[in-house]
């Protein structure tokens, strides 16, 4: 019975991990995809403009 108690924690973690991955994949895209993409694009544009505004910093 020691093997059962040794295998239960990894199996439980694997099941939860698979569930997490399935949830992430299912929630990609959808109605909010364009809104999420716009937020990311705006953040990248702000970071790029801040990097270009600092001439002393070498990238």
PDB file of N, CA and C in Angstrom:
ATOM      1  N   UNK A   1       0.812  -1.201   0.000  1.00  0.00           N
ATOM      2  CA  UNK A   1       0.000   0.000   0.000  1.00  0.00           C
ATOM      3  C   UNK A   1       0.856   1.265   0.000  1.00  0.00           C
ATOM      4  N   UNK A   2       2.149   1.126   0.219  1.00  0.00           N
ATOM      5  CA  UNK A   2       3.010   2.296   0.190  1.00  0.00           C
ATOM      6  C   UNK A   2       3.056   2.913  -1.203  1.00  0.00           C
ATOM      7  N   UNK A   3       2.965   2.087  -2.219  1.00  0.00           N
ATOM      8  CA  UNK A   3       3.011   2.612  -3.578  1.00  0.00           C
ATOM      9  C   UNK A   3       1.792   3.468  -3.875  1.00  0.00           C
ATOM     10  N   UNK A   4       0.647   3.137  -3.298  1.00  0.00           N
ATOM     11  CA  UNK A   4      -0.562   3.934  -3.517  1.00  0.00           C
ATOM     12  C   UNK A   4      -0.384   5.315  -2.903  1.00  0.00           C
ATOM     13  N   UNK A   5       0.102   5.377  -1.678  1.00  0.00           N
ATOM     14  CA  UNK A   5       0.290   6.672  -1.035  1.00  0.00           C
ATOM     15  C   UNK A   5       1.398   7.473  -1.704  1.00  0.00           C
ATOM     16  N   UNK A   6       2.337   6.799  -2.365  1.00  0.00           N
ATOM     17  CA  UNK A   6       3.399   7.495  -3.081  1.00  0.00           C
ATOM     18  C   UNK A   6       2.903   8.045  -4.419  1.00  0.00           C
ATOM     19  N   UNK A   7       1.913   7.393  -5.016  1.00  0.00           N
ATOM     20  CA  UNK A   7       1.430   7.817  -6.328  1.00  0.00           C
ATOM     21  C   UNK A   7       0.284   8.825  -6.275  1.00  0.00           C
ATOM     22  N   UNK A   8      -0.432   8.903  -5.170  1.00  0.00           N
ATOM     23  CA  UNK A   8      -1.597   9.780  -5.104  1.00  0.00           C
ATOM     24  C   UNK A   8      -1.245  11.258  -5.294  1.00  0.00           C
ATOM     25  N   UNK A   9      -0.261  11.823  -4.582  1.00  0.00           N
ATOM     26  CA  UNK A   9       0.010  13.261  -4.780  1.00  0.00           C
ATOM     27  C   UNK A   9       0.387  13.638  -6.222  1.00  0.00           C
ATOM     28  N   UNK A  10       1.269  12.901  -6.908  1.00  0.00           N
ATOM     29  CA  UNK A  10       1.560  13.281  -8.292  1.00  0.00           C
ATOM     30  C   UNK A  10       0.355  13.143  -9.217  1.00  0.00           C
ATOM     31  N   UNK A  11      -0.467  12.144  -8.990  1.00  0.00           N
ATOM     32  CA  UNK A  11      -1.650  11.961  -9.836  1.00  0.00           C
ATOM     33  C   UNK A  11      -2.629  13.108  -9.616  1.00  0.00           C
ATOM     34  N   UNK A  12      -2.833  13.498  -8.365  1.00  0.00           N
ATOM     35  CA  UNK A  12      -3.732  14.613  -8.069  1.00  0.00           C
ATOM     36  C   UNK A  12      -3.206  15.899  -8.689  1.00  0.00           C
ATOM     37  N   UNK A  13      -1.912  16.151  -8.561  1.00  0.00           N
ATOM     38  CA  UNK A  13      -1.324  17.352  -9.154  1.00  0.00           C
ATOM     39  C   UNK A  13      -1.444  17.326 -10.673  1.00  0.00           C
ATOM     40  N   UNK A  14      -1.261  16.166 -11.281  1.00  0.00           N
ATOM     41  CA  UNK A  14      -1.373  16.052 -12.733  1.00  0.00           C
ATOM     42  C   UNK A  14      -2.801  16.346 -13.189  1.00  0.00           C
ATOM     43  N   UNK A  15      -3.782  15.853 -12.464  1.00  0.00           N
ATOM     44  CA  UNK A  15      -5.177  16.092 -12.822  1.00  0.00           C
ATOM     45  C   UNK A  15      -5.495  17.582 -12.732  1.00  0.00           C
ATOM     46  N   UNK A  16      -5.066  18.232 -11.664  1.00  0.00           N
ATOM     47  CA  UNK A  16      -5.312  19.670 -11.535  1.00  0.00           C
ATOM     48  C   UNK A  16      -4.564  20.460 -12.600  1.00  0.00           C
ATOM     49  N   UNK A  17      -3.357  20.057 -12.931  1.00  0.00           N
ATOM     50  CA  UNK A  17      -2.579  20.743 -13.955  1.00  0.00           C
ATOM     51  C   UNK A  17      -3.250  20.613 -15.318  1.00  0.00           C
ATOM     52  N   UNK A  18      -3.726  19.431 -15.652  1.00  0.00           N
ATOM     53  CA  UNK A  18      -4.428  19.222 -16.915  1.00  0.00           C
ATOM     54  C   UNK A  18      -5.694  20.067 -16.955  1.00  0.00           C
ATOM     55  N   UNK A  19      -6.410  20.123 -15.838  1.00  0.00           N
ATOM     56  CA  UNK A  19      -7.603  20.966 -15.766  1.00  0.00           C
ATOM     57  C   UNK A  19      -7.272  22.434 -15.971  1.00  0.00           C
ATOM     58  N   UNK A  20      -6.157  22.883 -15.394  1.00  0.00           N
ATOM     59  CA  UNK A  20      -5.727  24.269 -15.573  1.00  0.00           C
ATOM     60  C   UNK A  20      -5.412  24.560 -17.034  1.00  0.00           C
ATOM     61  N   UNK A  21      -4.687  23.668 -17.686  1.00  0.00           N
ATOM     62  CA  UNK A  21      -4.337  23.853 -19.097  1.00  0.00           C
ATOM     63  C   UNK A  21      -5.590  23.872 -19.966  1.00  0.00           C
ATOM     64  N   UNK A  22      -6.526  22.982 -19.705  1.00  0.00           N
ATOM     65  CA  UNK A  22      -7.765  22.942 -20.485  1.00  0.00           C
ATOM     66  C   UNK A  22      -8.537  24.242 -20.303  1.00  0.00           C
ATOM     67  N   UNK A  23      -8.596  24.749 -19.079  1.00  0.00           N
ATOM     68  CA  UNK A  23      -9.293  26.003 -18.814  1.00  0.00           C
ATOM     69  C   UNK A  23      -8.628  27.159 -19.538  1.00  0.00           C
ATOM     70  N   UNK A  24      -7.302  27.218 -19.513  1.00  0.00           N
ATOM     71  CA  UNK A  24      -6.592  28.290 -20.199  1.00  0.00           C
ATOM     72  C   UNK A  24      -6.852  28.241 -21.694  1.00  0.00           C
ATOM     73  N   UNK A  25      -6.806  27.057 -22.274  1.00  0.00           N
ATOM     74  CA  UNK A  25      -7.019  26.922 -23.715  1.00  0.00           C
ATOM     75  C   UNK A  25      -8.449  27.298 -24.090  1.00  0.00           C
ATOM     76  N   UNK A  26      -9.415  26.900 -23.276  1.00  0.00           N
ATOM     77  CA  UNK A  26     -10.814  27.200 -23.590  1.00  0.00           C
ATOM     78  C   UNK A  26     -11.127  28.681 -23.469  1.00  0.00           C
ATOM     79  N   UNK A  27     -10.434  29.395 -22.598  1.00  0.00           N
ATOM     80  CA  UNK A  27     -10.755  30.808 -22.391  1.00  0.00           C
ATOM     81  C   UNK A  27      -9.981  31.720 -23.332  1.00  0.00           C
ATOM     82  N   UNK A  28      -9.137  31.184 -24.182  1.00  0.00           N
ATOM     83  CA  UNK A  28      -8.429  32.019 -25.157  1.00  0.00           C
ATOM     84  C   UNK A  28      -9.396  32.426 -26.251  1.00  0.00           C
ATOM     85  N   UNK A  29      -9.266  33.668 -26.687  1.00  0.00           N
ATOM     86  CA  UNK A  29     -10.137  34.142 -27.748  1.00  0.00           C
ATOM     87  C   UNK A  29     -11.481  34.548 -27.189  1.00  0.00           C
ATOM     88  N   UNK A  30     -12.524  34.356 -27.944  1.00  0.00           N
ATOM     89  CA  UNK A  30     -13.856  34.685 -27.484  1.00  0.00           C
ATOM     90  C   UNK A  30     -14.199  36.146 -27.705  1.00  0.00           C
ATOM     91  N   UNK A  31     -15.213  36.605 -26.987  1.00  0.00           N
ATOM     92  CA  UNK A  31     -15.749  37.951 -27.180  1.00  0.00           C
ATOM     93  C   UNK A  31     -14.774  39.035 -26.748  1.00  0.00           C
ATOM     94  N   UNK A  32     -13.942  38.756 -25.752  1.00  0.00           N
ATOM     95  CA  UNK A  32     -13.047  39.784 -25.227  1.00  0.00           C
ATOM     96  C   UNK A  32     -11.673  39.779 -25.873  1.00  0.00           C
ATOM     97  N   UNK A  33     -11.467  38.961 -26.891  1.00  0.00           N
ATOM     98  CA  UNK A  33     -10.134  38.847 -27.489  1.00  0.00           C
ATOM     99  C   UNK A  33      -9.640  40.176 -28.034  1.00  0.00           C
ATOM    100  N   UNK A  34     -10.473  40.908 -28.750  1.00  0.00           N
ATOM    101  CA  UNK A  34     -10.017  42.176 -29.326  1.00  0.00           C
ATOM    102  C   UNK A  34      -9.721  43.193 -28.231  1.00  0.00           C
ATOM    103  N   UNK A  35     -10.512  43.179 -27.165  1.00  0.00           N
ATOM    104  CA  UNK A  35     -10.272  44.099 -26.062  1.00  0.00           C
ATOM    105  C   UNK A  35      -8.950  43.757 -25.361  1.00  0.00           C
ATOM    106  N   UNK A  36      -8.695  42.475 -25.134  1.00  0.00           N
ATOM    107  CA  UNK A  36      -7.448  42.056 -24.496  1.00  0.00           C
ATOM    108  C   UNK A  36      -6.253  42.389 -25.388  1.00  0.00           C
ATOM    109  N   UNK A  37      -6.399  42.170 -26.690  1.00  0.00           N
ATOM    110  CA  UNK A  37      -5.316  42.493 -27.616  1.00  0.00           C
ATOM    111  C   UNK A  37      -5.022  43.989 -27.620  1.00  0.00           C
ATOM    112  N   UNK A  38      -6.066  44.808 -27.536  1.00  0.00           N
ATOM    113  CA  UNK A  38      -5.874  46.261 -27.517  1.00  0.00           C
ATOM    114  C   UNK A  38      -5.141  46.697 -26.257  1.00  0.00           C
ATOM    115  N   UNK A  39      -5.445  46.076 -25.131  1.00  0.00           N
ATOM    116  CA  UNK A  39      -4.765  46.413 -23.881  1.00  0.00           C
ATOM    117  C   UNK A  39      -3.287  46.059 -23.974  1.00  0.00           C
ATOM    118  N   UNK A  40      -2.972  44.904 -24.517  1.00  0.00           N
ATOM    119  CA  UNK A  40      -1.575  44.486 -24.658  1.00  0.00           C
ATOM    120  C   UNK A  40      -0.845  45.395 -25.636  1.00  0.00           C
ATOM    121  N   UNK A  41      -1.486  45.726 -26.748  1.00  0.00           N
ATOM    122  CA  UNK A  41      -0.852  46.621 -27.722  1.00  0.00           C
ATOM    123  C   UNK A  41      -0.578  47.996 -27.121  1.00  0.00           C
ATOM    124  N   UNK A  42      -1.511  48.508 -26.313  1.00  0.00           N
ATOM    125  CA  UNK A  42      -1.309  49.806 -25.677  1.00  0.00           C
ATOM    126  C   UNK A  42      -0.156  49.755 -24.681  1.00  0.00           C
ATOM    127  N   UNK A  43      -0.064  48.686 -23.924  1.00  0.00           N
ATOM    128  CA  UNK A  43       1.027  48.553 -22.956  1.00  0.00           C
ATOM    129  C   UNK A  43       2.370  48.461 -23.667  1.00  0.00           C
ATOM    130  N   UNK A  44       2.427  47.722 -24.768  1.00  0.00           N
ATOM    131  CA  UNK A  44       3.671  47.620 -25.524  1.00  0.00           C
ATOM    132  C   UNK A  44       4.059  48.958 -26.136  1.00  0.00           C
ATOM    133  N   UNK A  45       3.074  49.709 -26.621  1.00  0.00           N
ATOM    134  CA  UNK A  45       3.352  51.022 -27.200  1.00  0.00           C
ATOM    135  C   UNK A  45       3.877  51.985 -26.141  1.00  0.00           C
ATOM    136  N   UNK A  46       3.289  51.932 -24.926  1.00  0.00           N
ATOM    137  CA  UNK A  46       3.778  52.786 -23.841  1.00  0.00           C
ATOM    138  C   UNK A  46       5.204  52.419 -23.472  1.00  0.00           C
ATOM    139  N   UNK A  47       5.501  51.140 -23.395  1.00  0.00           N
ATOM    140  CA  UNK A  47       6.849  50.707 -23.040  1.00  0.00           C
ATOM    141  C   UNK A  47       7.851  51.128 -24.114  1.00  0.00           C
ATOM    142  N   UNK A  48       7.466  51.008 -25.363  1.00  0.00           N
ATOM    143  CA  UNK A  48       8.361  51.394 -26.448  1.00  0.00           C
ATOM    144  C   UNK A  48       8.602  52.900 -26.457  1.00  0.00           C
ATOM    145  N   UNK A  49       7.556  53.686 -26.255  1.00  0.00           N
ATOM    146  CA  UNK A  49       7.734  55.141 -26.248  1.00  0.00           C
ATOM    147  C   UNK A  49       8.550  55.585 -25.046  1.00  0.00           C
ATOM    148  N   UNK A  50       8.412  54.927 -23.922  1.00  0.00           N
ATOM    149  CA  UNK A  50       9.208  55.275 -22.746  1.00  0.00           C
ATOM    150  C   UNK A  50      10.675  54.910 -22.978  1.00  0.00           C
ATOM    151  N   UNK A  51      10.909  53.822 -23.683  1.00  0.00           N
ATOM    152  CA  UNK A  51      12.280  53.419 -23.982  1.00  0.00           C
ATOM    153  C   UNK A  51      12.931  54.392 -24.951  1.00  0.00           C
ATOM    154  N   UNK A  52      12.187  54.868 -25.929  1.00  0.00           N
ATOM    155  CA  UNK A  52      12.726  55.808 -26.899  1.00  0.00           C
ATOM    156  C   UNK A  52      12.888  57.203 -26.307  1.00  0.00           C
ATOM    157  N   UNK A  53      12.119  57.554 -25.292  1.00  0.00           N
ATOM    158  CA  UNK A  53      12.206  58.867 -24.673  1.00  0.00           C
ATOM    159  C   UNK A  53      13.430  58.997 -23.784  1.00  0.00           C
ATOM    160  N   UNK A  54      14.047  57.883 -23.410  1.00  0.00           N
ATOM    161  CA  UNK A  54      15.236  57.897 -22.559  1.00  0.00           C
ATOM    162  C   UNK A  54      16.469  57.655 -23.423  1.00  0.00           C
ATOM    163  N   UNK A  55      17.140  58.718 -23.901  1.00  0.00           N
ATOM    164  CA  UNK A  55      18.277  58.510 -24.810  1.00  0.00           C
ATOM    165  C   UNK A  55      19.512  57.993 -24.100  1.00  0.00           C
ATOM    166  N   UNK A  56      19.599  58.110 -22.766  1.00  0.00           N
ATOM    167  CA  UNK A  56      20.778  57.668 -22.025  1.00  0.00           C
ATOM    168  C   UNK A  56      20.819  56.164 -21.840  1.00  0.00           C
ATOM    169  N   UNK A  57      19.684  55.511 -21.937  1.00  0.00           N
ATOM    170  CA  UNK A  57      19.615  54.067 -21.692  1.00  0.00           C
ATOM    171  C   UNK A  57      19.881  53.322 -22.972  1.00  0.00           C
ATOM    172  N   UNK A  58      20.839  52.413 -22.962  1.00  0.00           N
ATOM    173  CA  UNK A  58      21.140  51.583 -24.130  1.00  0.00           C
ATOM    174  C   UNK A  58      20.363  50.287 -24.050  1.00  0.00           C
ATOM    175  N   UNK A  59      19.722  49.920 -25.117  1.00  0.00           N
ATOM    176  CA  UNK A  59      18.931  48.693 -25.131  1.00  0.00           C
ATOM    177  C   UNK A  59      19.738  47.560 -25.728  1.00  0.00           C
TER     178      UNK A  59
END
